[in-house]
Amino acid sequence: MNEPLTVYTLPNCMQCTMTTQALDTANLPYIVIDLTTDERASDLMHQFGYTSAPVVIARMVSWSGFRPDWIAKIAALRDHPTLTGK
C-alpha cells in the first residue's frame, strides 16, 4: 500500500500532532489537510459525522482521534501480498 493516507487536522491539536508523529514513525505516507483553511473539507467531514480532529482516511477505513491501534494495523497491512499485488 503506497498510496498516502489523508489526515484532516486543526492547528494546535495535540491528537493531530500525535497522529502525524505516529504515522511518521510507522513510515506511512500521508497528506495533511487543514480543516480551518479548507471549507470544503470541513463540510465533508461534518457530512460524514466527524466532529473532532484528526480524521484519518485510509484505503478502506477511516477514524477520528489519535488511534495508534489503527495506525499499527495499517502499517502491518502495508506489505501484505493482497494489497501489494505480489
Protein backbone atom coordinates (compact mmCIF):
# COMPACT_ATOMS: atom_id res chain seq x y z
CA MET A 1 0.00 0.00 0.00
CA ASN A 2 1.88 3.02 -1.23
CA GLU A 3 -0.97 5.48 -1.59
CA PRO A 4 -0.87 8.15 1.09
CA LEU A 5 -3.43 8.43 3.84
CA THR A 6 -5.28 11.71 4.24
CA VAL A 7 -5.18 13.39 7.64
CA TYR A 8 -7.61 16.22 8.30
CA THR A 9 -6.22 18.39 11.10
CA LEU A 10 -6.70 21.53 13.15
CA PRO A 11 -3.98 23.92 14.34
CA ASN A 12 -2.65 23.36 17.87
CA CYS A 13 -4.37 19.97 18.03
CA MET A 14 -2.40 17.60 20.26
CA GLN A 15 -4.12 14.49 18.88
CA CYS A 16 -3.36 15.69 15.34
CA THR A 17 0.31 16.10 16.21
CA MET A 18 0.45 12.71 17.90
CA THR A 19 -1.21 11.11 14.87
CA THR A 20 1.20 12.58 12.32
CA GLN A 21 4.16 11.68 14.55
CA ALA A 22 2.91 8.08 14.79
CA LEU A 23 2.43 7.94 11.02
CA ASP A 24 5.98 9.24 10.56
CA THR A 25 7.31 6.62 12.99
CA ALA A 26 5.41 3.89 11.12
CA ASN A 27 6.82 5.25 7.85
CA LEU A 28 3.32 5.65 6.41
CA PRO A 29 2.89 8.36 3.77
CA TYR A 30 0.13 10.90 4.34
CA ILE A 31 -1.25 14.20 3.14
CA VAL A 32 -2.36 16.82 5.68
CA ILE A 33 -5.43 18.98 5.07
CA ASP A 34 -6.07 21.84 7.49
CA LEU A 35 -9.77 22.00 8.27
CA THR A 36 -9.55 25.70 9.15
CA THR A 37 -8.37 26.65 5.68
CA ASP A 38 -10.31 24.16 3.55
CA GLU A 39 -14.02 24.85 3.98
CA ARG A 40 -15.00 22.10 1.55
CA ALA A 41 -13.04 19.51 3.55
CA SER A 42 -14.57 20.77 6.79
CA ASP A 43 -18.08 20.46 5.34
CA LEU A 44 -17.30 16.97 4.06
CA MET A 45 -16.06 15.79 7.48
CA HIS A 46 -19.26 17.08 9.10
CA GLN A 47 -21.35 15.32 6.44
CA PHE A 48 -19.60 12.06 7.34
CA GLY A 49 -20.39 12.67 11.00
CA TYR A 50 -16.91 13.54 12.26
CA THR A 51 -16.94 16.25 14.90
CA SER A 52 -13.35 16.15 16.16
CA ALA A 53 -9.88 16.10 14.66
CA PRO A 54 -7.85 14.49 13.42
CA VAL A 55 -9.77 12.48 10.87
CA VAL A 56 -7.68 9.88 9.05
CA ILE A 57 -8.86 8.39 5.79
CA ALA A 58 -7.13 5.22 4.63
CA ARG A 59 -7.96 2.96 1.71
CA MET A 60 -10.92 1.19 3.31
CA VAL A 61 -11.15 2.62 6.81
CA SER A 62 -11.42 5.97 8.49
CA TRP A 63 -11.35 7.18 12.08
CA SER A 64 -11.07 10.28 14.21
CA GLY A 65 -8.82 10.99 17.14
CA PHE A 66 -5.41 9.56 17.96
CA ARG A 67 -5.67 5.83 17.23
CA PRO A 68 -2.27 4.14 17.49
CA ASP A 69 -4.04 0.78 17.20
CA TRP A 70 -5.36 1.66 13.74
CA ILE A 71 -2.02 3.12 12.67
CA ALA A 72 -0.35 -0.16 13.68
CA LYS A 73 -2.94 -2.16 11.71
CA ILE A 74 -2.41 -0.05 8.60
CA ALA A 75 1.37 -0.37 8.95
CA ALA A 76 1.11 -4.16 9.38
CA LEU A 77 -1.03 -4.46 6.26
CA ARG A 78 1.17 -2.17 4.17
CA ASP A 79 3.21 -5.03 2.70
CA HIS A 80 0.50 -7.70 2.64
CA PRO A 81 0.54 -9.55 -0.71
CA THR A 82 -3.16 -8.94 -1.41
CA LEU A 83 -2.59 -5.20 -1.17
CA THR A 84 0.74 -5.02 -2.97
CA GLY A 85 -0.25 -7.32 -5.83
CA LYS A 86 2.74 -9.63 -5.18
